[in-house]
PDB file of N, CA and C in Angstrom:
ATOM      1  N   GLY A   1     135.586 110.584 138.726  1.00  0.00           N
ATOM      2  CA  GLY A   1     134.427 111.511 138.434  1.00  0.00           C
ATOM      3  C   GLY A   1     133.128 110.738 138.180  1.00  0.00           C
ATOM      4  N   LYS A   2     132.163 111.431 138.178  1.00  0.00           N
ATOM      5  CA  LYS A   2     130.954 110.655 138.051  1.00  0.00           C
ATOM      6  C   LYS A   2     130.644 110.906 136.566  1.00  0.00           C
ATOM      7  N   VAL A   3     129.981 109.807 135.977  1.00  0.00           N
ATOM      8  CA  VAL A   3     129.668 109.552 134.581  1.00  0.00           C
ATOM      9  C   VAL A   3     128.323 109.630 134.569  1.00  0.00           C
ATOM     10  N   ILE A   4     127.397 110.463 133.771  1.00  0.00           N
ATOM     11  CA  ILE A   4     126.194 110.434 133.647  1.00  0.00           C
ATOM     12  C   ILE A   4     125.747 110.275 132.181  1.00  0.00           C
ATOM     13  N   GLN A   5     124.786 109.256 131.677  1.00  0.00           N
ATOM     14  CA  GLN A   5     124.771 109.242 130.419  1.00  0.00           C
ATOM     15  C   GLN A   5     123.237 109.246 130.120  1.00  0.00           C
ATOM     16  N   TYR A   6     122.873 110.250 129.135  1.00  0.00           N
ATOM     17  CA  TYR A   6     121.442 110.367 128.323  1.00  0.00           C
ATOM     18  C   TYR A   6     121.467 110.005 127.053  1.00  0.00           C
ATOM     19  N   SER A   7     120.114 109.682 126.776  1.00  0.00           N
ATOM     20  CA  SER A   7     120.031 109.162 125.341  1.00  0.00           C
ATOM     21  C   SER A   7     118.622 109.858 125.178  1.00  0.00           C
ATOM     22  N   LEU A   8     118.668 110.666 123.733  1.00  0.00           N
ATOM     23  CA  LEU A   8     117.315 111.280 123.423  1.00  0.00           C
ATOM     24  C   LEU A   8     117.135 110.835 121.918  1.00  0.00           C
ATOM     25  N   GLU A   9     115.825 110.141 121.765  1.00  0.00           N
ATOM     26  CA  GLU A   9     115.424 109.537 120.621  1.00  0.00           C
ATOM     27  C   GLU A   9     114.589 110.735 119.894  1.00  0.00           C
ATOM     28  N   THR A  10     114.935 111.286 118.884  1.00  0.00           N
ATOM     29  CA  THR A  10     114.139 112.274 118.132  1.00  0.00           C
ATOM     30  C   THR A  10     114.441 112.335 116.768  1.00  0.00           C
ATOM     31  N   LYS A  11     113.802 113.345 115.964  1.00  0.00           N
ATOM     32  CA  LYS A  11     114.217 113.717 114.714  1.00  0.00           C
ATOM     33  C   LYS A  11     115.146 114.739 114.457  1.00  0.00           C
ATOM     34  N   LYS A  12     115.841 114.849 113.245  1.00  0.00           N
ATOM     35  CA  LYS A  12     116.628 115.698 113.155  1.00  0.00           C
ATOM     36  C   LYS A  12     116.115 117.281 113.154  1.00  0.00           C
ATOM     37  N   GLN A  13     115.115 117.341 112.702  1.00  0.00           N
ATOM     38  CA  GLN A  13     114.119 118.822 112.635  1.00  0.00           C
ATOM     39  C   GLN A  13     113.952 119.170 113.925  1.00  0.00           C
ATOM     40  N   HIS A  14     113.800 118.359 115.006  1.00  0.00           N
ATOM     41  CA  HIS A  14     113.597 118.755 116.331  1.00  0.00           C
ATOM     42  C   HIS A  14     114.719 119.071 117.103  1.00  0.00           C
ATOM     43  N   ILE A  15     116.068 119.079 116.640  1.00  0.00           N
ATOM     44  CA  ILE A  15     116.999 119.512 117.446  1.00  0.00           C
ATOM     45  C   ILE A  15     117.833 120.388 116.825  1.00  0.00           C
ATOM     46  N   GLU A  16     118.533 121.447 117.654  1.00  0.00           N
ATOM     47  CA  GLU A  16     119.324 122.419 117.076  1.00  0.00           C
ATOM     48  C   GLU A  16     120.715 121.961 116.841  1.00  0.00           C
ATOM     49  N   TYR A  17     120.721 120.818 115.835  1.00  0.00           N
ATOM     50  CA  TYR A  17     122.011 120.250 115.898  1.00  0.00           C
ATOM     51  C   TYR A  17     123.329 121.202 115.394  1.00  0.00           C
ATOM     52  N   LYS A  18     122.795 122.050 114.493  1.00  0.00           N
ATOM     53  CA  LYS A  18     124.118 122.989 114.113  1.00  0.00           C
ATOM     54  C   LYS A  18     124.559 123.853 115.311  1.00  0.00           C
ATOM     55  N   LYS A  19     123.779 124.174 116.188  1.00  0.00           N
ATOM     56  CA  LYS A  19     124.170 124.865 117.491  1.00  0.00           C
ATOM     57  C   LYS A  19     124.928 124.009 118.423  1.00  0.00           C
ATOM     58  N   ILE A  20     124.589 122.548 118.425  1.00  0.00           N
ATOM     59  CA  ILE A  20     125.220 121.860 119.299  1.00  0.00           C
ATOM     60  C   ILE A  20     126.663 121.621 118.709  1.00  0.00           C
ATOM     61  N   ILE A  21     126.788 121.328 117.100  1.00  0.00           N
ATOM     62  CA  ILE A  21     128.054 121.040 116.508  1.00  0.00           C
ATOM     63  C   ILE A  21     128.810 122.299 116.971  1.00  0.00           C
ATOM     64  N   LYS A  22     128.433 123.449 116.645  1.00  0.00           N
ATOM     65  CA  LYS A  22     129.186 124.853 117.041  1.00  0.00           C
ATOM     66  C   LYS A  22     129.714 124.748 118.389  1.00  0.00           C
ATOM     67  N   ALA A  23     128.970 124.416 119.500  1.00  0.00           N
ATOM     68  CA  ALA A  23     129.371 124.415 120.881  1.00  0.00           C
ATOM     69  C   ALA A  23     130.300 123.461 121.104  1.00  0.00           C
ATOM     70  N   ILE A  24     130.465 122.213 120.321  1.00  0.00           N
ATOM     71  CA  ILE A  24     131.412 121.329 120.388  1.00  0.00           C
ATOM     72  C   ILE A  24     132.729 121.783 119.921  1.00  0.00           C
ATOM     73  N   CYS A  25     132.654 122.437 118.925  1.00  0.00           N
ATOM     74  CA  CYS A  25     133.766 123.144 118.259  1.00  0.00           C
ATOM     75  C   CYS A  25     134.391 124.142 118.725  1.00  0.00           C
ATOM     76  N   ASN A  26     133.684 125.067 119.696  1.00  0.00           N
ATOM     77  CA  ASN A  26     134.176 126.123 120.451  1.00  0.00           C
ATOM     78  C   ASN A  26     134.514 125.795 121.975  1.00  0.00           C
ATOM     79  N   GLN A  27     134.633 124.488 122.055  1.00  0.00           N
ATOM     80  CA  GLN A  27     134.899 124.062 123.638  1.00  0.00           C
ATOM     81  C   GLN A  27     136.286 124.570 124.099  1.00  0.00           C
ATOM     82  N   ASP A  28     137.160 124.705 123.196  1.00  0.00           N
ATOM     83  CA  ASP A  28     138.551 125.059 123.794  1.00  0.00           C
ATOM     84  C   ASP A  28     138.809 126.762 123.507  1.00  0.00           C
ATOM     85  N   PHE A  29     137.642 127.476 123.147  1.00  0.00           N
ATOM     86  CA  PHE A  29     137.902 128.806 122.991  1.00  0.00           C
ATOM     87  C   PHE A  29     137.068 129.732 123.768  1.00  0.00           C
ATOM     88  N   LYS A  30     137.368 130.103 125.005  1.00  0.00           N
ATOM     89  CA  LYS A  30     136.660 130.698 126.055  1.00  0.00           C
ATOM     90  C   LYS A  30     135.951 131.940 125.645  1.00  0.00           C
ATOM     91  N   SER A  31     136.450 132.707 124.479  1.00  0.00           N
ATOM     92  CA  SER A  31     135.734 133.746 123.982  1.00  0.00           C
ATOM     93  C   SER A  31     134.815 133.523 122.952  1.00  0.00           C
ATOM     94  N   MET A  32     134.490 132.196 122.527  1.00  0.00           N
ATOM     95  CA  MET A  32     133.675 131.844 121.669  1.00  0.00           C
ATOM     96  C   MET A  32     132.268 131.367 122.294  1.00  0.00           C
ATOM     97  N   ALA A  33     131.178 131.477 121.596  1.00  0.00           N
ATOM     98  CA  ALA A  33     129.932 131.020 122.004  1.00  0.00           C
ATOM     99  C   ALA A  33     129.172 130.558 120.895  1.00  0.00           C
ATOM    100  N   PRO A  34     128.300 129.368 121.064  1.00  0.00           N
ATOM    101  CA  PRO A  34     127.870 128.792 122.167  1.00  0.00           C
ATOM    102  C   PRO A  34     129.205 127.783 122.515  1.00  0.00           C
ATOM    103  N   ARG A  35     129.247 127.491 123.959  1.00  0.00           N
ATOM    104  CA  ARG A  35     130.161 126.596 124.510  1.00  0.00           C
ATOM    105  C   ARG A  35     129.416 125.838 125.452  1.00  0.00           C
ATOM    106  N   PHE A  36     130.024 124.256 125.577  1.00  0.00           N
ATOM    107  CA  PHE A  36     129.403 123.514 126.779  1.00  0.00           C
ATOM    108  C   PHE A  36     130.168 123.619 128.082  1.00  0.00           C
ATOM    109  N   ASN A  37     131.391 123.958 127.955  1.00  0.00           N
ATOM    110  CA  ASN A  37     132.317 124.219 129.201  1.00  0.00           C
ATOM    111  C   ASN A  37     132.177 125.495 129.884  1.00  0.00           C
ATOM    112  N   ASP A  38     132.014 125.018 131.394  1.00  0.00           N
ATOM    113  CA  ASP A  38     132.162 126.400 132.221  1.00  0.00           C
ATOM    114  C   ASP A  38     132.741 125.863 133.263  1.00  0.00           C
ATOM    115  N   LYS A  39     133.064 126.578 134.421  1.00  0.00           N
ATOM    116  CA  LYS A  39     134.049 126.188 135.413  1.00  0.00           C
ATOM    117  C   LYS A  39     133.217 125.202 136.391  1.00  0.00           C
ATOM    118  N   TYR A  40     131.823 124.871 136.241  1.00  0.00           N
ATOM    119  CA  TYR A  40     131.428 123.923 137.123  1.00  0.00           C
ATOM    120  C   TYR A  40     130.784 122.615 136.355  1.00  0.00           C
ATOM    121  N   SER A  41     131.340 122.499 135.012  1.00  0.00           N
ATOM    122  CA  SER A  41     130.916 121.220 134.518  1.00  0.00           C
ATOM    123  C   SER A  41     132.035 120.764 133.498  1.00  0.00           C
ATOM    124  N   SER A  42     132.097 119.608 132.935  1.00  0.00           N
ATOM    125  CA  SER A  42     133.089 118.973 131.886  1.00  0.00           C
ATOM    126  C   SER A  42     132.303 119.093 130.625  1.00  0.00           C
ATOM    127  N   TYR A  43     133.010 118.898 129.653  1.00  0.00           N
ATOM    128  CA  TYR A  43     132.436 118.753 128.506  1.00  0.00           C
ATOM    129  C   TYR A  43     132.023 117.388 127.951  1.00  0.00           C
ATOM    130  N   PRO A  44     130.737 117.335 127.573  1.00  0.00           N
ATOM    131  CA  PRO A  44     129.919 116.275 127.349  1.00  0.00           C
ATOM    132  C   PRO A  44     130.518 115.627 125.932  1.00  0.00           C
ATOM    133  N   GLU A  45     130.383 114.194 125.665  1.00  0.00           N
ATOM    134  CA  GLU A  45     130.915 113.612 124.373  1.00  0.00           C
ATOM    135  C   GLU A  45     129.108 113.236 123.805  1.00  0.00           C
ATOM    136  N   ILE A  46     129.147 113.798 122.732  1.00  0.00           N
ATOM    137  CA  ILE A  46     127.835 113.587 121.984  1.00  0.00           C
ATOM    138  C   ILE A  46     127.962 112.873 120.799  1.00  0.00           C
ATOM    139  N   PHE A  47     126.993 112.016 120.535  1.00  0.00           N
ATOM    140  CA  PHE A  47     127.090 111.203 119.428  1.00  0.00           C
ATOM    141  C   PHE A  47     125.740 111.319 118.679  1.00  0.00           C
ATOM    142  N   PHE A  48     125.831 111.626 117.443  1.00  0.00           N
ATOM    143  CA  PHE A  48     124.663 111.658 116.566  1.00  0.00           C
ATOM    144  C   PHE A  48     124.319 110.199 116.021  1.00  0.00           C
ATOM    145  N   ILE A  49     123.317 109.718 116.171  1.00  0.00           N
ATOM    146  CA  ILE A  49     123.092 108.104 115.481  1.00  0.00           C
ATOM    147  C   ILE A  49     121.862 108.191 114.720  1.00  0.00           C
ATOM    148  N   ASN A  50     122.059 107.798 113.462  1.00  0.00           N
ATOM    149  CA  ASN A  50     120.758 107.703 112.511  1.00  0.00           C
ATOM    150  C   ASN A  50     120.879 106.212 112.036  1.00  0.00           C
ATOM    151  N   LYS A  51     119.989 105.759 110.991  1.00  0.00           N
ATOM    152  CA  LYS A  51     119.920 104.560 110.653  1.00  0.00           C
ATOM    153  C   LYS A  51     121.259 103.850 109.773  1.00  0.00           C
ATOM    154  N   ASP A  52     121.782 104.970 109.226  1.00  0.00           N
ATOM    155  CA  ASP A  52     123.112 104.704 108.274  1.00  0.00           C
ATOM    156  C   ASP A  52     124.594 104.557 109.099  1.00  0.00           C
ATOM    157  N   PHE A  53     124.689 105.572 110.140  1.00  0.00           N
ATOM    158  CA  PHE A  53     125.872 105.827 110.706  1.00  0.00           C
ATOM    159  C   PHE A  53     125.922 106.314 112.047  1.00  0.00           C
ATOM    160  N   ILE A  54     127.072 106.582 112.817  1.00  0.00           N
ATOM    161  CA  ILE A  54     127.253 107.223 113.934  1.00  0.00           C
ATOM    162  C   ILE A  54     128.091 108.226 113.869  1.00  0.00           C
ATOM    163  N   TYR A  55     128.003 109.536 114.289  1.00  0.00           N
ATOM    164  CA  TYR A  55     128.764 110.493 113.918  1.00  0.00           C
ATOM    165  C   TYR A  55     129.230 111.252 115.388  1.00  0.00           C
ATOM    166  N   HIS A  56     130.245 111.338 115.603  1.00  0.00           N
ATOM    167  CA  HIS A  56     130.976 111.838 116.837  1.00  0.00           C
ATOM    168  C   HIS A  56     132.027 112.867 116.400  1.00  0.00           C
ATOM    169  N   ILE A  57     131.611 114.113 116.832  1.00  0.00           N
ATOM    170  CA  ILE A  57     132.528 115.154 116.602  1.00  0.00           C
ATOM    171  C   ILE A  57     133.292 115.346 117.920  1.00  0.00           C
ATOM    172  N   TYR A  58     134.556 115.101 117.974  1.00  0.00           N
ATOM    173  CA  TYR A  58     135.419 115.250 119.325  1.00  0.00           C
ATOM    174  C   TYR A  58     135.757 116.783 119.448  1.00  0.00           C
ATOM    175  N   ASP A  59     136.066 117.621 118.620  1.00  0.00           N
ATOM    176  CA  ASP A  59     136.313 119.044 118.905  1.00  0.00           C
ATOM    177  C   ASP A  59     136.400 119.438 117.680  1.00  0.00           C
ATOM    178  N   ASP A  60     137.106 120.877 117.514  1.00  0.00           N
ATOM    179  CA  ASP A  60     137.041 121.483 116.214  1.00  0.00           C
ATOM    180  C   ASP A  60     138.139 120.903 115.194  1.00  0.00           C
ATOM    181  N   ARG A  61     138.867 119.815 115.661  1.00  0.00           N
ATOM    182  CA  ARG A  61     139.716 119.331 114.747  1.00  0.00           C
ATOM    183  C   ARG A  61     139.232 118.042 113.818  1.00  0.00           C
ATOM    184  N   GLY A  62     138.123 117.510 114.472  1.00  0.00           N
ATOM    185  CA  GLY A  62     137.439 116.417 113.479  1.00  0.00           C
ATOM    186  C   GLY A  62     136.296 115.736 114.048  1.00  0.00           C
ATOM    187  N   ALA A  63     136.100 114.552 113.401  1.00  0.00           N
ATOM    188  CA  ALA A  63     135.093 113.761 113.979  1.00  0.00           C
ATOM    189  C   ALA A  63     135.405 112.100 113.499  1.00  0.00           C
ATOM    190  N   PHE A  64     134.679 111.319 114.378  1.00  0.00           N
ATOM    191  CA  PHE A  64     134.605 109.816 113.830  1.00  0.00           C
ATOM    192  C   PHE A  64     133.189 109.710 113.371  1.00  0.00           C
ATOM    193  N   LEU A  65     133.293 108.907 112.283  1.00  0.00           N
ATOM    194  CA  LEU A  65     132.141 108.255 111.626  1.00  0.00           C
ATOM    195  C   LEU A  65     132.130 106.752 111.410  1.00  0.00           C
ATOM    196  N   LEU A  66     131.021 106.231 111.798  1.00  0.00           N
ATOM    197  CA  LEU A  66     130.929 104.717 111.776  1.00  0.00           C
ATOM    198  C   LEU A  66     129.761 104.296 111.027  1.00  0.00           C
ATOM    199  N   PHE A  67     130.027 103.685 109.800  1.00  0.00           N
ATOM    200  CA  PHE A  67     128.967 103.386 109.001  1.00  0.00           C
ATOM    201  C   PHE A  67     128.328 101.925 109.127  1.00  0.00           C
ATOM    202  N   LYS A  68     127.115 101.618 108.986  1.00  0.00           N
ATOM    203  CA  LYS A  68     126.750 100.347 109.065  1.00  0.00           C
ATOM    204  C   LYS A  68     126.776  99.537 107.768  1.00  0.00           C
ATOM    205  N   ASP A  69     126.876 100.403 106.649  1.00  0.00           N
ATOM    206  CA  ASP A  69     126.909  99.522 105.539  1.00  0.00           C
ATOM    207  C   ASP A  69     128.173  99.935 104.780  1.00  0.00           C
ATOM    208  N   GLU A  70     129.025  98.917 104.142  1.00  0.00           N
ATOM    209  CA  GLU A  70     130.296  99.392 103.431  1.00  0.00           C
ATOM    210  C   GLU A  70     130.045 100.234 102.173  1.00  0.00           C
ATOM    211  N   ARG A  71     129.073  99.730 101.523  1.00  0.00           N
ATOM    212  CA  ARG A  71     128.957 100.783 100.185  1.00  0.00           C
ATOM    213  C   ARG A  71     128.640 102.127 100.405  1.00  0.00           C
ATOM    214  N   LYS A  72     127.845 102.630 101.705  1.00  0.00           N
ATOM    215  CA  LYS A  72     127.596 103.988 102.027  1.00  0.00           C
ATOM    216  C   LYS A  72     129.036 104.534 102.393  1.00  0.00           C
ATOM    217  N   TYR A  73     129.773 103.774 103.110  1.00  0.00           N
ATOM    218  CA  TYR A  73     131.091 104.305 103.490  1.00  0.00           C
ATOM    219  C   TYR A  73     131.897 104.554 102.268  1.00  0.00           C
ATOM    220  N   GLU A  74     131.721 103.859 101.211  1.00  0.00           N
ATOM    221  CA  GLU A  74     132.822 103.873  99.965  1.00  0.00           C
ATOM    222  C   GLU A  74     132.266 105.104  99.293  1.00  0.00           C
ATOM    223  N   LYS A  75     131.060 105.367  99.281  1.00  0.00           N
ATOM    224  CA  LYS A  75     130.220 106.557  98.597  1.00  0.00           C
ATOM    225  C   LYS A  75     130.799 107.866  99.275  1.00  0.00           C
ATOM    226  N   PHE A  76     130.628 107.674 100.746  1.00  0.00           N
ATOM    227  CA  PHE A  76     131.122 108.770 101.542  1.00  0.00           C
ATOM    228  C   PHE A  76     132.523 109.266 101.318  1.00  0.00           C
ATOM    229  N   LYS A  77     133.334 108.159 101.300  1.00  0.00           N
ATOM    230  CA  LYS A  77     134.851 108.300 101.061  1.00  0.00           C
ATOM    231  C   LYS A  77     135.210 108.717  99.764  1.00  0.00           C
ATOM    232  N   THR A  78     134.476 108.639  98.835  1.00  0.00           N
ATOM    233  CA  THR A  78     134.687 109.165  97.378  1.00  0.00           C
ATOM    234  C   THR A  78     134.326 110.611  97.475  1.00  0.00           C
ATOM    235  N   LYS A  79     133.163 110.928  97.977  1.00  0.00           N
ATOM    236  CA  LYS A  79     132.715 112.290  98.071  1.00  0.00           C
ATOM    237  C   LYS A  79     133.591 113.127  98.789  1.00  0.00           C
ATOM    238  N   TYR A  80     133.955 112.768  99.963  1.00  0.00           N
ATOM    239  CA  TYR A  80     134.697 113.678 100.630  1.00  0.00           C
ATOM    240  C   TYR A  80     136.047 113.323 101.179  1.00  0.00           C
ATOM    241  N   SER A  81     136.837 112.737 100.240  1.00  0.00           N
ATOM    242  CA  SER A  81     138.313 112.162 100.331  1.00  0.00           C
ATOM    243  C   SER A  81     139.190 113.227 100.830  1.00  0.00           C
ATOM    244  N   THR A  82     138.893 114.364 100.256  1.00  0.00           N
ATOM    245  CA  THR A  82     139.901 115.546 100.469  1.00  0.00           C
ATOM    246  C   THR A  82     139.744 115.964 102.046  1.00  0.00           C
ATOM    247  N   LEU A  83     138.755 115.692 102.588  1.00  0.00           N
ATOM    248  CA  LEU A  83     138.431 115.822 103.951  1.00  0.00           C
ATOM    249  C   LEU A  83     138.945 114.943 104.835  1.00  0.00           C
ATOM    250  N   MET A  84     139.317 113.833 104.520  1.00  0.00           N
ATOM    251  CA  MET A  84     139.552 112.670 105.408  1.00  0.00           C
ATOM    252  C   MET A  84     140.996 112.629 105.511  1.00  0.00           C
ATOM    253  N   VAL A  85     141.387 112.327 106.849  1.00  0.00           N
ATOM    254  CA  VAL A  85     142.988 112.093 107.284  1.00  0.00           C
ATOM    255  C   VAL A  85     143.035 111.134 108.002  1.00  0.00           C
ATOM    256  N   GLY A  86     144.236 110.629 108.253  1.00  0.00           N
ATOM    257  CA  GLY A  86     144.520 109.421 108.861  1.00  0.00           C
ATOM    258  C   GLY A  86     144.490 108.145 108.416  1.00  0.00           C
ATOM    259  N   GLU A  87     145.177 107.184 108.987  1.00  0.00           N
ATOM    260  CA  GLU A  87     145.240 105.956 108.528  1.00  0.00           C
ATOM    261  C   GLU A  87     144.023 105.017 108.493  1.00  0.00           C
ATOM    262  N   ASP A  88     143.180 105.209 109.251  1.00  0.00           N
ATOM    263  CA  ASP A  88     141.859 104.562 109.714  1.00  0.00           C
ATOM    264  C   ASP A  88     140.943 104.488 108.721  1.00  0.00           C
ATOM    265  N   TYR A  89     140.903 105.584 107.765  1.00  0.00           N
ATOM    266  CA  TYR A  89     139.845 105.565 106.784  1.00  0.00           C
ATOM    267  C   TYR A  89     140.042 104.964 105.389  1.00  0.00           C
ATOM    268  N   ASN A  90     141.311 104.286 105.229  1.00  0.00           N
ATOM    269  CA  ASN A  90     141.722 103.629 103.865  1.00  0.00           C
ATOM    270  C   ASN A  90     140.873 102.142 103.979  1.00  0.00           C
TER     271      ASN A  90
END
Protein backbone atom coordinates (compact mmCIF):
# COMPACT_ATOMS: atom_id res chain seq x y z
CA GLY A 1 0.00 0.00 0.00
CA LYS A 2 0.88 3.63 -0.27
CA VAL A 3 2.09 5.48 2.82
CA ILE A 4 1.37 9.19 3.13
CA GLN A 5 2.76 11.21 6.02
CA TYR A 6 1.59 14.62 7.19
CA SER A 7 2.87 16.83 9.96
CA LEU A 8 0.90 19.71 11.44
CA GLU A 9 2.53 22.16 13.81
CA THR A 10 -0.11 23.93 15.86
CA LYS A 11 -1.29 24.68 19.37
CA LYS A 12 -3.58 22.47 21.43
CA GLN A 13 -6.38 25.02 21.45
CA HIS A 14 -6.41 25.10 17.63
CA ILE A 15 -7.30 21.44 17.08
CA GLU A 16 -10.31 19.39 18.08
CA TYR A 17 -8.16 16.80 19.86
CA LYS A 18 -11.09 15.34 21.83
CA LYS A 19 -12.90 14.56 18.57
CA ILE A 20 -9.73 13.04 17.10
CA ILE A 21 -9.24 10.85 20.18
CA LYS A 22 -12.88 9.75 20.03
CA ALA A 23 -12.51 8.85 16.33
CA ILE A 24 -9.41 6.79 17.13
CA CYS A 25 -11.26 4.90 19.87
CA ASN A 26 -14.31 4.32 17.64
CA GLN A 27 -12.35 2.85 14.72
CA ASP A 28 -13.51 -0.75 15.30
CA PHE A 29 -17.15 0.11 15.93
CA LYS A 30 -19.03 0.81 12.70
CA SER A 31 -22.12 2.12 14.49
CA MET A 32 -20.18 4.75 16.43
CA ALA A 33 -19.12 8.20 15.28
CA PRO A 34 -16.88 9.96 14.67
CA ARG A 35 -14.62 7.41 12.92
CA PHE A 36 -11.72 7.57 10.48
CA ASN A 37 -12.40 4.24 8.79
CA ASP A 38 -14.60 3.88 5.80
CA LYS A 39 -14.56 1.51 2.84
CA TYR A 40 -12.26 3.81 0.83
CA SER A 41 -9.55 4.52 3.39
CA SER A 42 -7.43 2.90 6.06
CA TYR A 43 -7.03 4.01 9.64
CA PRO A 44 -4.38 6.71 10.17
CA GLU A 45 -1.77 6.56 12.92
CA ILE A 46 -1.84 9.83 14.83
CA PHE A 47 0.85 11.05 17.24
CA PHE A 48 0.39 14.04 19.52
CA ILE A 49 3.79 15.59 20.21
CA ASN A 50 4.54 18.33 22.69
CA LYS A 51 7.72 19.54 24.36
CA ASP A 52 7.61 16.87 27.08
CA PHE A 53 6.26 13.69 25.49
CA ILE A 54 4.88 11.86 22.48
CA TYR A 55 1.37 10.43 22.84
CA HIS A 56 0.05 7.76 20.46
CA ILE A 57 -3.42 6.30 21.04
CA TYR A 58 -3.51 3.10 18.99
CA ASP A 59 -7.21 2.27 19.57
CA ASP A 60 -9.82 1.99 22.33
CA ARG A 61 -7.54 -0.33 24.33
CA GLY A 62 -4.74 2.07 25.08
CA ALA A 63 -1.88 4.35 24.18
CA PHE A 64 1.88 4.60 24.09
CA LEU A 65 3.63 7.48 25.85
CA LEU A 66 7.26 8.43 25.36
CA PHE A 67 8.65 10.96 27.83
CA LYS A 68 11.58 13.28 27.22
CA ASP A 69 12.41 13.54 30.92
CA GLU A 70 12.65 10.64 33.39
CA ARG A 71 11.35 12.78 36.29
CA LYS A 72 8.19 13.69 34.40
CA TYR A 73 7.68 10.04 33.55
CA GLU A 74 8.04 9.07 37.22
CA LYS A 75 5.54 11.77 38.24
CA PHE A 76 3.08 10.56 35.58
CA LYS A 77 3.61 6.92 36.59
CA THR A 78 2.89 7.74 40.25
CA LYS A 79 -0.25 9.71 39.43
CA TYR A 80 -1.70 7.22 36.91
CA SER A 81 -0.25 3.90 38.11
CA THR A 82 -3.68 2.24 38.31
CA LEU A 83 -4.24 2.90 34.60
CA MET A 84 -0.88 1.58 33.41
CA VAL A 85 -0.55 -2.03 32.29
CA GLY A 86 2.19 -4.12 30.72
CA GLU A 87 5.79 -4.88 31.45
CA ASP A 88 7.28 -1.90 29.65
CA TYR A 89 6.23 0.81 32.09
CA ASN A 90 8.17 -0.38 35.16
